[in-house]
């Protein structure tokens, strides 16, 4: 199975969120919920941000 490299968005916070989700592949399941909650908050802030700022 070949490993896929995720596409980068160019938005540092969003790219970091993608990296955090990818890291879950080797993280204990007990840590997943906290990572998903953090990623959700990060993506929400990115969506709510003023694109002109």
Protein backbone atom coordinates (compact mmCIF):
# COMPACT_ATOMS: atom_id res chain seq x y z
CA UNK A 1 0.00 0.00 0.00
CA UNK A 2 1.47 3.33 -1.01
CA UNK A 3 1.44 6.19 1.41
CA UNK A 4 -0.46 9.27 0.29
CA UNK A 5 0.97 12.68 1.03
CA UNK A 6 -1.76 15.12 2.04
CA UNK A 7 -2.22 18.22 0.01
CA UNK A 8 -1.02 21.37 1.75
CA UNK A 9 -3.42 24.28 1.99
CA UNK A 10 -0.93 27.05 2.52
CA UNK A 11 -2.72 28.01 5.74
CA UNK A 12 -0.36 27.09 8.57
CA UNK A 13 -3.07 26.35 11.15
CA UNK A 14 -5.03 24.14 8.76
CA UNK A 15 -1.91 22.28 7.65
CA UNK A 16 -1.00 21.68 11.31
CA UNK A 17 -4.50 20.34 11.94
CA UNK A 18 -4.10 17.90 9.03
CA UNK A 19 -0.76 16.79 10.46
CA UNK A 20 -2.36 16.24 13.89
CA UNK A 21 -5.06 14.00 12.41
CA UNK A 22 -2.50 12.05 10.42
CA UNK A 23 -0.44 11.47 13.56
CA UNK A 24 -3.41 9.63 15.06
CA UNK A 25 -2.46 6.60 12.94
CA UNK A 26 0.16 5.72 15.54
CA UNK A 27 -1.44 7.31 18.61
CA UNK A 28 -3.40 5.39 21.23
CA UNK A 29 -7.16 5.49 20.64
CA UNK A 30 -7.58 7.10 24.05
CA UNK A 31 -5.88 10.23 22.66
CA UNK A 32 -8.04 10.55 19.55
CA UNK A 33 -10.99 12.44 21.05
CA UNK A 34 -8.80 15.21 22.44
CA UNK A 35 -6.99 15.60 19.10
CA UNK A 36 -10.27 15.70 17.18
CA UNK A 37 -11.64 18.35 19.56
CA UNK A 38 -8.51 20.45 19.16
CA UNK A 39 -8.55 20.09 15.37
CA UNK A 40 -12.22 21.04 15.30
CA UNK A 41 -11.49 24.22 17.25
CA UNK A 42 -8.53 25.04 15.00
CA UNK A 43 -10.55 24.57 11.82
CA UNK A 44 -13.48 26.58 13.22
CA UNK A 45 -11.13 29.49 14.01
CA UNK A 46 -9.66 29.25 10.51
CA UNK A 47 -13.12 29.37 8.95
CA UNK A 48 -14.20 32.27 11.17
CA UNK A 49 -11.05 34.30 10.49
CA UNK A 50 -11.17 37.44 8.43
CA UNK A 51 -9.57 36.50 5.09
CA UNK A 52 -8.36 40.09 4.70
CA UNK A 53 -6.42 40.00 7.99
